[in-house]
All heavy atoms as atom14 arrays in JSON, in Angstrom:
{
  "sequence": "YSLLTEVSVGRLFAAGVGPGLLLFALVSVYIGVRCWFQPELGPAL",
  "atom14_mask": [
    [1, 1, 1, 1, 1, 1, 1, 1, 1, 1, 1, 1, 0, 0],
    [1, 1, 1, 1, 1, 1, 0, 0, 0, 0, 0, 0, 0, 0],
    [1, 1, 1, 1, 1, 1, 1, 1, 0, 0, 0, 0, 0, 0],
    [1, 1, 1, 1, 1, 1, 1, 1, 0, 0, 0, 0, 0, 0],
    [1, 1, 1, 1, 1, 1, 1, 0, 0, 0, 0, 0, 0, 0],
    [1, 1, 1, 1, 1, 1, 1, 1, 1, 0, 0, 0, 0, 0],
    [1, 1, 1, 1, 1, 1, 1, 0, 0, 0, 0, 0, 0, 0],
    [1, 1, 1, 1, 1, 1, 0, 0, 0, 0, 0, 0, 0, 0],
    [1, 1, 1, 1, 1, 1, 1, 0, 0, 0, 0, 0, 0, 0],
    [1, 1, 1, 1, 0, 0, 0, 0, 0, 0, 0, 0, 0, 0],
    [1, 1, 1, 1, 1, 1, 1, 1, 1, 1, 1, 0, 0, 0],
    [1, 1, 1, 1, 1, 1, 1, 1, 0, 0, 0, 0, 0, 0],
    [1, 1, 1, 1, 1, 1, 1, 1, 1, 1, 1, 0, 0, 0],
    [1, 1, 1, 1, 1, 0, 0, 0, 0, 0, 0, 0, 0, 0],
    [1, 1, 1, 1, 1, 0, 0, 0, 0, 0, 0, 0, 0, 0],
    [1, 1, 1, 1, 0, 0, 0, 0, 0, 0, 0, 0, 0, 0],
    [1, 1, 1, 1, 1, 1, 1, 0, 0, 0, 0, 0, 0, 0],
    [1, 1, 1, 1, 0, 0, 0, 0, 0, 0, 0, 0, 0, 0],
    [1, 1, 1, 1, 1, 1, 1, 0, 0, 0, 0, 0, 0, 0],
    [1, 1, 1, 1, 0, 0, 0, 0, 0, 0, 0, 0, 0, 0],
    [1, 1, 1, 1, 1, 1, 1, 1, 0, 0, 0, 0, 0, 0],
    [1, 1, 1, 1, 1, 1, 1, 1, 0, 0, 0, 0, 0, 0],
    [1, 1, 1, 1, 1, 1, 1, 1, 0, 0, 0, 0, 0, 0],
    [1, 1, 1, 1, 1, 1, 1, 1, 1, 1, 1, 0, 0, 0],
    [1, 1, 1, 1, 1, 0, 0, 0, 0, 0, 0, 0, 0, 0],
    [1, 1, 1, 1, 1, 1, 1, 1, 0, 0, 0, 0, 0, 0],
    [1, 1, 1, 1, 1, 1, 1, 0, 0, 0, 0, 0, 0, 0],
    [1, 1, 1, 1, 1, 1, 0, 0, 0, 0, 0, 0, 0, 0],
    [1, 1, 1, 1, 1, 1, 1, 0, 0, 0, 0, 0, 0, 0],
    [1, 1, 1, 1, 1, 1, 1, 1, 1, 1, 1, 1, 0, 0],
    [1, 1, 1, 1, 1, 1, 1, 1, 0, 0, 0, 0, 0, 0],
    [1, 1, 1, 1, 0, 0, 0, 0, 0, 0, 0, 0, 0, 0],
    [1, 1, 1, 1, 1, 1, 1, 0, 0, 0, 0, 0, 0, 0],
    [1, 1, 1, 1, 1, 1, 1, 1, 1, 1, 1, 0, 0, 0],
    [1, 1, 1, 1, 1, 1, 0, 0, 0, 0, 0, 0, 0, 0],
    [1, 1, 1, 1, 1, 1, 1, 1, 1, 1, 1, 1, 1, 1],
    [1, 1, 1, 1, 1, 1, 1, 1, 1, 1, 1, 0, 0, 0],
    [1, 1, 1, 1, 1, 1, 1, 1, 1, 0, 0, 0, 0, 0],
    [1, 1, 1, 1, 1, 1, 1, 0, 0, 0, 0, 0, 0, 0],
    [1, 1, 1, 1, 1, 1, 1, 1, 1, 0, 0, 0, 0, 0],
    [1, 1, 1, 1, 1, 1, 1, 1, 0, 0, 0, 0, 0, 0],
    [1, 1, 1, 1, 0, 0, 0, 0, 0, 0, 0, 0, 0, 0],
    [1, 1, 1, 1, 1, 1, 1, 0, 0, 0, 0, 0, 0, 0],
    [1, 1, 1, 1, 1, 0, 0, 0, 0, 0, 0, 0, 0, 0],
    [1, 1, 1, 1, 1, 1, 1, 1, 0, 0, 0, 0, 0, 0]
  ],
  "atom14_positions": [
    [[-165.12, -66.17, -124.72], [-165.04, -64.76, -125.09], [-163.75, -64.52, -125.89], [-163.75, -63.8, -126.9], [-165.05, -63.89, -123.86], [-165.0, -62.39, -124.13], [-166.2, -61.65, -124.29], [-163.82, -61.71, -124.26], [-166.17, -60.3, -124.56], [-163.76, -60.38, -124.52], [-164.91, -59.68, -124.66], [-164.88, -58.31, -124.94], [0.0, 0.0, 0.0], [0.0, 0.0, 0.0]],
    [[-162.62, -65.09, -125.42], [-161.37, -64.96, -126.14], [-161.43, -65.52, -127.54], [-160.93, -64.94, -128.49], [-160.24, -65.68, -125.3], [-159.06, -65.74, -126.02], [0.0, 0.0, 0.0], [0.0, 0.0, 0.0], [0.0, 0.0, 0.0], [0.0, 0.0, 0.0], [0.0, 0.0, 0.0], [0.0, 0.0, 0.0], [0.0, 0.0, 0.0], [0.0, 0.0, 0.0]],
    [[-162.05, -66.67, -127.65], [-162.17, -67.33, -128.99], [-163.01, -66.47, -129.97], [-162.7, -66.42, -131.14], [-162.77, -68.73, -128.85], [-161.88, -69.78, -128.21], [-162.7, -71.03, -127.89], [-160.72, -70.15, -129.16], [0.0, 0.0, 0.0], [0.0, 0.0, 0.0], [0.0, 0.0, 0.0], [0.0, 0.0, 0.0], [0.0, 0.0, 0.0], [0.0, 0.0, 0.0]],
    [[-164.03, -65.89, -129.45], [-164.99, -65.11, -130.3], [-164.43, -63.73, -130.6], [-164.75, -63.19, -131.72], [-166.34, -65.0, -129.61], [-167.13, -66.27, -129.44], [-168.36, -66.08, -128.59], [-167.55, -66.84, -130.77], [0.0, 0.0, 0.0], [0.0, 0.0, 0.0], [0.0, 0.0, 0.0], [0.0, 0.0, 0.0], [0.0, 0.0, 0.0], [0.0, 0.0, 0.0]],
    [[-163.65, -63.18, -129.74], [-163.15, -61.77, -129.94], [-161.69, -61.73, -130.32], [-161.18, -60.68, -130.67], [-163.34, -60.94, -128.69], [-162.61, -61.57, -127.63], [-164.81, -60.95, -128.27], [0.0, 0.0, 0.0], [0.0, 0.0, 0.0], [0.0, 0.0, 0.0], [0.0, 0.0, 0.0], [0.0, 0.0, 0.0], [0.0, 0.0, 0.0], [0.0, 0.0, 0.0]],
    [[-160.99, -62.88, -130.19], [-159.57, -62.96, -130.55], [-158.71, -62.09, -129.68], [-157.66, -61.57, -130.09], [-159.33, -62.62, -132.06], [-160.07, -63.59, -132.95], [-159.85, -63.26, -134.43], [-159.21, -62.25, -134.73], [-160.26, -64.09, -135.28], [0.0, 0.0, 0.0], [0.0, 0.0, 0.0], [0.0, 0.0, 0.0], [0.0, 0.0, 0.0], [0.0, 0.0, 0.0]],
    [[-159.12, -61.85, -128.42], [-158.27, -61.19, -127.43], [-157.49, -62.23, -126.68], [-157.82, -63.41, -126.72], [-159.11, -60.31, -126.48], [-159.86, -59.27, -127.2], [-160.0, -61.14, -125.61], [0.0, 0.0, 0.0], [0.0, 0.0, 0.0], [0.0, 0.0, 0.0], [0.0, 0.0, 0.0], [0.0, 0.0, 0.0], [0.0, 0.0, 0.0], [0.0, 0.0, 0.0]],
    [[-156.48, -61.79, -125.96], [-155.62, -62.73, -125.19], [-156.36, -63.3, -124.0], [-156.86, -62.53, -123.16], [-154.37, -62.03, -124.71], [-153.72, -62.74, -123.74], [0.0, 0.0, 0.0], [0.0, 0.0, 0.0], [0.0, 0.0, 0.0], [0.0, 0.0, 0.0], [0.0, 0.0, 0.0], [0.0, 0.0, 0.0], [0.0, 0.0, 0.0], [0.0, 0.0, 0.0]],
    [[-156.46, -64.59, -123.93], [-157.17, -65.19, -122.79], [-156.35, -65.03, -121.52], [-156.94, -64.91, -120.4], [-157.43, -66.7, -123.07], [-156.19, -67.55, -123.11], [-158.41, -67.3, -122.03], [0.0, 0.0, 0.0], [0.0, 0.0, 0.0], [0.0, 0.0, 0.0], [0.0, 0.0, 0.0], [0.0, 0.0, 0.0], [0.0, 0.0, 0.0], [0.0, 0.0, 0.0]],
    [[-155.02, -64.94, -121.62], [-154.2, -64.73, -120.44], [-154.49, -63.34, -119.86], [-154.62, -63.18, -118.64], [0.0, 0.0, 0.0], [0.0, 0.0, 0.0], [0.0, 0.0, 0.0], [0.0, 0.0, 0.0], [0.0, 0.0, 0.0], [0.0, 0.0, 0.0], [0.0, 0.0, 0.0], [0.0, 0.0, 0.0], [0.0, 0.0, 0.0], [0.0, 0.0, 0.0]],
    [[-154.57, -62.32, -120.69], [-154.87, -60.93, -120.22], [-156.28, -60.9, -119.63], [-156.53, -60.25, -118.64], [-154.8, -59.92, -121.38], [-153.4, -59.63, -121.86], [-153.43, -58.59, -122.98], [-153.92, -57.32, -122.5], [-153.19, -56.34, -121.96], [-151.86, -56.53, -121.86], [-153.73, -55.24, -121.54], [0.0, 0.0, 0.0], [0.0, 0.0, 0.0], [0.0, 0.0, 0.0]],
    [[-157.19, -61.62, -120.24], [-158.57, -61.67, -119.74], [-158.66, -62.33, -118.35], [-159.31, -61.89, -117.44], [-159.47, -62.43, -120.7], [-160.98, -62.13, -120.69], [-161.23, -60.65, -120.85], [-161.66, -62.93, -121.77], [0.0, 0.0, 0.0], [0.0, 0.0, 0.0], [0.0, 0.0, 0.0], [0.0, 0.0, 0.0], [0.0, 0.0, 0.0], [0.0, 0.0, 0.0]],
    [[-157.9, -63.42, -118.22], [-157.8, -64.07, -116.88], [-157.27, -63.13, -115.84], [-157.83, -62.99, -114.73], [-156.9, -65.28, -116.94], [-157.6, -66.56, -117.49], [-158.91, -66.51, -117.91], [-156.9, -67.77, -117.58], [-159.52, -67.64, -118.41], [-157.51, -68.91, -118.06], [-158.82, -68.86, -118.49], [0.0, 0.0, 0.0], [0.0, 0.0, 0.0], [0.0, 0.0, 0.0]],
    [[-156.18, -62.42, -116.2], [-155.6, -61.47, -115.24], [-156.56, -60.37, -114.87], [-156.64, -59.91, -113.73], [-154.31, -60.9, -115.82], [0.0, 0.0, 0.0], [0.0, 0.0, 0.0], [0.0, 0.0, 0.0], [0.0, 0.0, 0.0], [0.0, 0.0, 0.0], [0.0, 0.0, 0.0], [0.0, 0.0, 0.0], [0.0, 0.0, 0.0], [0.0, 0.0, 0.0]],
    [[-157.35, -59.93, -115.86], [-158.29, -58.83, -115.64], [-159.42, -59.25, -114.72], [-160.08, -58.37, -114.13], [-158.83, -58.34, -116.99], [0.0, 0.0, 0.0], [0.0, 0.0, 0.0], [0.0, 0.0, 0.0], [0.0, 0.0, 0.0], [0.0, 0.0, 0.0], [0.0, 0.0, 0.0], [0.0, 0.0, 0.0], [0.0, 0.0, 0.0], [0.0, 0.0, 0.0]],
    [[-159.71, -60.54, -114.59], [-160.81, -60.96, -113.77], [-160.55, -60.99, -112.26], [-161.46, -61.03, -111.47], [0.0, 0.0, 0.0], [0.0, 0.0, 0.0], [0.0, 0.0, 0.0], [0.0, 0.0, 0.0], [0.0, 0.0, 0.0], [0.0, 0.0, 0.0], [0.0, 0.0, 0.0], [0.0, 0.0, 0.0], [0.0, 0.0, 0.0], [0.0, 0.0, 0.0]],
    [[-159.26, -60.95, -111.93], [-158.87, -61.07, -110.47], [-159.34, -59.9, -109.66], [-160.03, -60.06, -108.64], [-157.34, -61.27, -110.38], [-156.94, -61.26, -108.89], [-156.85, -62.54, -111.06], [0.0, 0.0, 0.0], [0.0, 0.0, 0.0], [0.0, 0.0, 0.0], [0.0, 0.0, 0.0], [0.0, 0.0, 0.0], [0.0, 0.0, 0.0], [0.0, 0.0, 0.0]],
    [[-158.98, -58.66, -110.11], [-159.38, -57.52, -109.34], [-160.86, -57.3, -109.17], [-161.37, -57.15, -108.03], [0.0, 0.0, 0.0], [0.0, 0.0, 0.0], [0.0, 0.0, 0.0], [0.0, 0.0, 0.0], [0.0, 0.0, 0.0], [0.0, 0.0, 0.0], [0.0, 0.0, 0.0], [0.0, 0.0, 0.0], [0.0, 0.0, 0.0], [0.0, 0.0, 0.0]],
    [[-161.64, -57.43, -110.26], [-163.1, -57.34, -110.11], [-163.7, -58.43, -109.26], [-164.64, -58.18, -108.48], [-163.59, -57.43, -111.59], [-162.47, -56.88, -112.37], [-161.23, -57.33, -111.68], [0.0, 0.0, 0.0], [0.0, 0.0, 0.0], [0.0, 0.0, 0.0], [0.0, 0.0, 0.0], [0.0, 0.0, 0.0], [0.0, 0.0, 0.0], [0.0, 0.0, 0.0]],
    [[-163.12, -59.67, -109.32], [-163.63, -60.72, -108.5], [-163.41, -60.42, -107.05], [-164.32, -60.62, -106.2], [0.0, 0.0, 0.0], [0.0, 0.0, 0.0], [0.0, 0.0, 0.0], [0.0, 0.0, 0.0], [0.0, 0.0, 0.0], [0.0, 0.0, 0.0], [0.0, 0.0, 0.0], [0.0, 0.0, 0.0], [0.0, 0.0, 0.0], [0.0, 0.0, 0.0]],
    [[-162.24, -59.91, -106.67], [-162.0, -59.55, -105.26], [-162.83, -58.39, -104.82], [-163.26, -58.26, -103.68], [-160.48, -59.28, -105.08], [-159.52, -60.44, -105.3], [-158.11, -60.0, -105.14], [-159.87, -61.59, -104.35], [0.0, 0.0, 0.0], [0.0, 0.0, 0.0], [0.0, 0.0, 0.0], [0.0, 0.0, 0.0], [0.0, 0.0, 0.0], [0.0, 0.0, 0.0]],
    [[-163.05, -57.4, -105.74], [-163.89, -56.29, -105.45], [-165.3, -56.72, -105.1], [-165.91, -56.28, -104.09], [-163.95, -55.29, -106.65], [-164.96, -54.15, -106.56], [-164.59, -53.18, -105.46], [-165.1, -53.43, -107.87], [0.0, 0.0, 0.0], [0.0, 0.0, 0.0], [0.0, 0.0, 0.0], [0.0, 0.0, 0.0], [0.0, 0.0, 0.0], [0.0, 0.0, 0.0]],
    [[-165.88, -57.64, -105.88], [-167.24, -58.08, -105.63], [-167.32, -58.84, -104.33], [-168.29, -58.75, -103.59], [-167.72, -58.95, -106.8], [-167.98, -58.22, -108.13], [-168.52, -59.19, -109.15], [-168.9, -57.07, -107.95], [0.0, 0.0, 0.0], [0.0, 0.0, 0.0], [0.0, 0.0, 0.0], [0.0, 0.0, 0.0], [0.0, 0.0, 0.0], [0.0, 0.0, 0.0]],
    [[-166.26, -59.67, -104.06], [-166.2, -60.34, -102.74], [-166.22, -59.37, -101.61], [-166.98, -59.53, -100.6], [-164.97, -61.26, -102.7], [-164.63, -61.72, -101.28], [-165.46, -62.59, -100.61], [-163.48, -61.26, -100.61], [-165.16, -63.02, -99.32], [-163.19, -61.69, -99.35], [-164.04, -62.55, -98.69], [0.0, 0.0, 0.0], [0.0, 0.0, 0.0], [0.0, 0.0, 0.0]],
    [[-165.41, -58.3, -101.69], [-165.4, -57.29, -100.66], [-166.72, -56.6, -100.49], [-167.2, -56.39, -99.36], [-164.29, -56.25, -100.94], [0.0, 0.0, 0.0], [0.0, 0.0, 0.0], [0.0, 0.0, 0.0], [0.0, 0.0, 0.0], [0.0, 0.0, 0.0], [0.0, 0.0, 0.0], [0.0, 0.0, 0.0], [0.0, 0.0, 0.0], [0.0, 0.0, 0.0]],
    [[-167.38, -56.21, -101.63], [-168.67, -55.5, -101.55], [-169.72, -56.42, -100.93], [-170.48, -55.95, -100.06], [-169.07, -55.11, -102.95], [-168.25, -54.0, -103.65], [-168.74, -53.72, -105.05], [-168.33, -52.65, -102.82], [0.0, 0.0, 0.0], [0.0, 0.0, 0.0], [0.0, 0.0, 0.0], [0.0, 0.0, 0.0], [0.0, 0.0, 0.0], [0.0, 0.0, 0.0]],
    [[-169.78, -57.66, -101.34], [-170.79, -58.56, -100.79], [-170.52, -58.82, -99.25], [-171.46, -58.85, -98.45], [-170.8, -59.89, -101.59], [-171.63, -60.95, -100.85], [-171.37, -59.68, -103.0], [0.0, 0.0, 0.0], [0.0, 0.0, 0.0], [0.0, 0.0, 0.0], [0.0, 0.0, 0.0], [0.0, 0.0, 0.0], [0.0, 0.0, 0.0], [0.0, 0.0, 0.0]],
    [[-169.26, -58.98, -98.95], [-168.92, -59.23, -97.53], [-169.29, -58.07, -96.65], [-169.81, -58.19, -95.56], [-167.42, -59.55, -97.39], [-167.11, -60.71, -98.12], [0.0, 0.0, 0.0], [0.0, 0.0, 0.0], [0.0, 0.0, 0.0], [0.0, 0.0, 0.0], [0.0, 0.0, 0.0], [0.0, 0.0, 0.0], [0.0, 0.0, 0.0], [0.0, 0.0, 0.0]],
    [[-168.99, -56.82, -97.15], [-169.33, -55.63, -96.37], [-170.87, -55.52, -96.22], [-171.36, -55.15, -95.15], [-168.78, -54.36, -97.13], [-169.39, -53.08, -96.53], [-167.24, -54.32, -97.0], [0.0, 0.0, 0.0], [0.0, 0.0, 0.0], [0.0, 0.0, 0.0], [0.0, 0.0, 0.0], [0.0, 0.0, 0.0], [0.0, 0.0, 0.0], [0.0, 0.0, 0.0]],
    [[-171.61, -55.83, -97.32], [-173.03, -55.76, -97.25], [-173.54, -56.73, -96.17], [-174.4, -56.35, -95.33], [-173.69, -56.14, -98.59], [-175.11, -56.5, -98.5], [-176.11, -55.53, -98.27], [-175.53, -57.83, -98.55], [-177.44, -55.85, -98.15], [-176.87, -58.17, -98.45], [-177.79, -57.2, -98.25], [-179.13, -57.52, -98.1], [0.0, 0.0, 0.0], [0.0, 0.0, 0.0]],
    [[-173.06, -57.98, -96.17], [-173.5, -58.96, -95.2], [-173.16, -58.52, -93.82], [-173.96, -58.57, -92.84], [-172.91, -60.36, -95.47], [-173.46, -60.88, -96.84], [-173.23, -61.32, -94.37], [-172.79, -62.14, -97.28], [0.0, 0.0, 0.0], [0.0, 0.0, 0.0], [0.0, 0.0, 0.0], [0.0, 0.0, 0.0], [0.0, 0.0, 0.0], [0.0, 0.0, 0.0]],
    [[-171.86, -58.09, -93.65], [-171.41, -57.72, -92.29], [-172.14, -56.49, -91.75], [-172.53, -56.51, -90.53], [0.0, 0.0, 0.0], [0.0, 0.0, 0.0], [0.0, 0.0, 0.0], [0.0, 0.0, 0.0], [0.0, 0.0, 0.0], [0.0, 0.0, 0.0], [0.0, 0.0, 0.0], [0.0, 0.0, 0.0], [0.0, 0.0, 0.0], [0.0, 0.0, 0.0]],
    [[-172.34, -55.47, -92.54], [-173.04, -54.24, -92.05], [-174.5, -54.59, -91.74], [-175.02, -54.16, -90.67], [-172.99, -53.14, -93.09], [-173.87, -51.99, -92.73], [-171.53, -52.65, -93.25], [0.0, 0.0, 0.0], [0.0, 0.0, 0.0], [0.0, 0.0, 0.0], [0.0, 0.0, 0.0], [0.0, 0.0, 0.0], [0.0, 0.0, 0.0], [0.0, 0.0, 0.0]],
    [[-175.14, -55.35, -92.59], [-176.58, -55.63, -92.35], [-176.76, -56.52, -91.11], [-177.65, -56.24, -90.3], [-177.16, -56.35, -93.57], [-178.68, -56.44, -93.43], [-179.31, -56.9, -94.72], [-180.75, -56.92, -94.52], [-181.6, -57.57, -95.31], [-181.13, -58.16, -96.45], [-182.92, -57.58, -95.08], [0.0, 0.0, 0.0], [0.0, 0.0, 0.0], [0.0, 0.0, 0.0]],
    [[-175.84, -57.46, -90.91], [-175.94, -58.31, -89.72], [-175.51, -57.6, -88.46], [-175.93, -57.99, -87.36], [-175.13, -59.6, -89.9], [-175.78, -60.72, -91.12], [0.0, 0.0, 0.0], [0.0, 0.0, 0.0], [0.0, 0.0, 0.0], [0.0, 0.0, 0.0], [0.0, 0.0, 0.0], [0.0, 0.0, 0.0], [0.0, 0.0, 0.0], [0.0, 0.0, 0.0]],
    [[-174.7, -56.57, -88.59], [-174.31, -55.8, -87.4], [-175.54, -55.03, -86.87], [-175.76, -54.93, -85.67], [-173.16, -54.81, -87.76], [-172.75, -53.94, -86.64], [-173.17, -52.68, -86.39], [-171.92, -54.33, -85.52], [-172.6, -52.21, -85.18], [-171.81, -53.22, -84.66], [-171.2, -55.48, -85.22], [-171.08, -53.22, -83.52], [-170.44, -55.53, -84.07], [-170.41, -54.41, -83.23]],
    [[-176.33, -54.45, -87.78], [-177.48, -53.66, -87.36], [-178.69, -54.55, -87.15], [-179.63, -54.17, -86.44], [-177.82, -52.64, -88.43], [-176.79, -51.48, -88.45], [-175.87, -51.4, -89.44], [-176.79, -50.51, -87.46], [-174.95, -50.35, -89.44], [-175.91, -49.48, -87.44], [-174.92, -49.38, -88.45], [0.0, 0.0, 0.0], [0.0, 0.0, 0.0], [0.0, 0.0, 0.0]],
    [[-178.72, -55.76, -87.79], [-179.85, -56.7, -87.59], [-179.23, -58.07, -87.27], [-179.22, -59.0, -88.07], [-180.68, -56.8, -88.88], [-181.34, -55.48, -89.29], [-182.11, -55.63, -90.59], [-181.5, -55.57, -91.69], [-183.43, -55.83, -90.52], [0.0, 0.0, 0.0], [0.0, 0.0, 0.0], [0.0, 0.0, 0.0], [0.0, 0.0, 0.0], [0.0, 0.0, 0.0]],
    [[-178.76, -58.23, -86.02], [-178.08, -59.46, -85.66], [-178.88, -60.72, -85.77], [-178.33, -61.79, -85.88], [-177.64, -59.19, -84.19], [-178.47, -58.07, -83.71], [-178.82, -57.26, -84.93], [0.0, 0.0, 0.0], [0.0, 0.0, 0.0], [0.0, 0.0, 0.0], [0.0, 0.0, 0.0], [0.0, 0.0, 0.0], [0.0, 0.0, 0.0], [0.0, 0.0, 0.0]],
    [[-180.2, -60.6, -85.76], [-181.05, -61.76, -85.9], [-180.98, -62.37, -87.29], [-181.33, -63.56, -87.46], [-182.53, -61.4, -85.57], [-183.19, -60.5, -86.6], [-182.95, -59.02, -86.47], [-182.1, -58.7, -85.58], [-183.54, -58.23, -87.24], [0.0, 0.0, 0.0], [0.0, 0.0, 0.0], [0.0, 0.0, 0.0], [0.0, 0.0, 0.0], [0.0, 0.0, 0.0]],
    [[-180.46, -61.63, -88.27], [-180.33, -62.18, -89.61], [-179.18, -63.16, -89.75], [-179.21, -64.1, -90.54], [-180.12, -61.06, -90.64], [-181.25, -60.03, -90.78], [-180.88, -59.03, -91.89], [-182.58, -60.71, -91.12], [0.0, 0.0, 0.0], [0.0, 0.0, 0.0], [0.0, 0.0, 0.0], [0.0, 0.0, 0.0], [0.0, 0.0, 0.0], [0.0, 0.0, 0.0]],
    [[-178.13, -62.93, -88.95], [-176.94, -63.81, -88.99], [-176.27, -63.91, -87.65], [-175.18, -63.34, -87.45], [0.0, 0.0, 0.0], [0.0, 0.0, 0.0], [0.0, 0.0, 0.0], [0.0, 0.0, 0.0], [0.0, 0.0, 0.0], [0.0, 0.0, 0.0], [0.0, 0.0, 0.0], [0.0, 0.0, 0.0], [0.0, 0.0, 0.0], [0.0, 0.0, 0.0]],
    [[-176.89, -64.57, -86.7], [-176.34, -64.64, -85.33], [-174.97, -65.27, -85.23], [-174.7, -66.22, -85.94], [-177.44, -65.4, -84.6], [-178.14, -66.22, -85.58], [-178.11, -65.41, -86.83], [0.0, 0.0, 0.0], [0.0, 0.0, 0.0], [0.0, 0.0, 0.0], [0.0, 0.0, 0.0], [0.0, 0.0, 0.0], [0.0, 0.0, 0.0], [0.0, 0.0, 0.0]],
    [[-174.13, -64.71, -84.36], [-172.81, -65.33, -84.12], [-172.98, -66.62, -83.27], [-174.0, -66.79, -82.6], [-171.96, -64.34, -83.37], [0.0, 0.0, 0.0], [0.0, 0.0, 0.0], [0.0, 0.0, 0.0], [0.0, 0.0, 0.0], [0.0, 0.0, 0.0], [0.0, 0.0, 0.0], [0.0, 0.0, 0.0], [0.0, 0.0, 0.0], [0.0, 0.0, 0.0]],
    [[-172.01, -67.49, -83.4], [-172.02, -68.72, -82.56], [-171.91, -68.36, -81.11], [-171.17, -67.43, -80.74], [-170.87, -69.63, -82.95], [-170.91, -70.3, -84.34], [-169.62, -71.09, -84.53], [-172.07, -71.2, -84.48], [0.0, 0.0, 0.0], [0.0, 0.0, 0.0], [0.0, 0.0, 0.0], [0.0, 0.0, 0.0], [0.0, 0.0, 0.0], [0.0, 0.0, 0.0]]
  ]
}
């Protein structure tokens, strides 16, 4: 993307950290909430 658009690849790398952590949090919350109400989907050890 940096090569095609001539934007700074360093800035682009830095910009990916926050959204990556946001998606991790959203997916984790989804799994946790769903398994809390439906424990058979992801039983604890």
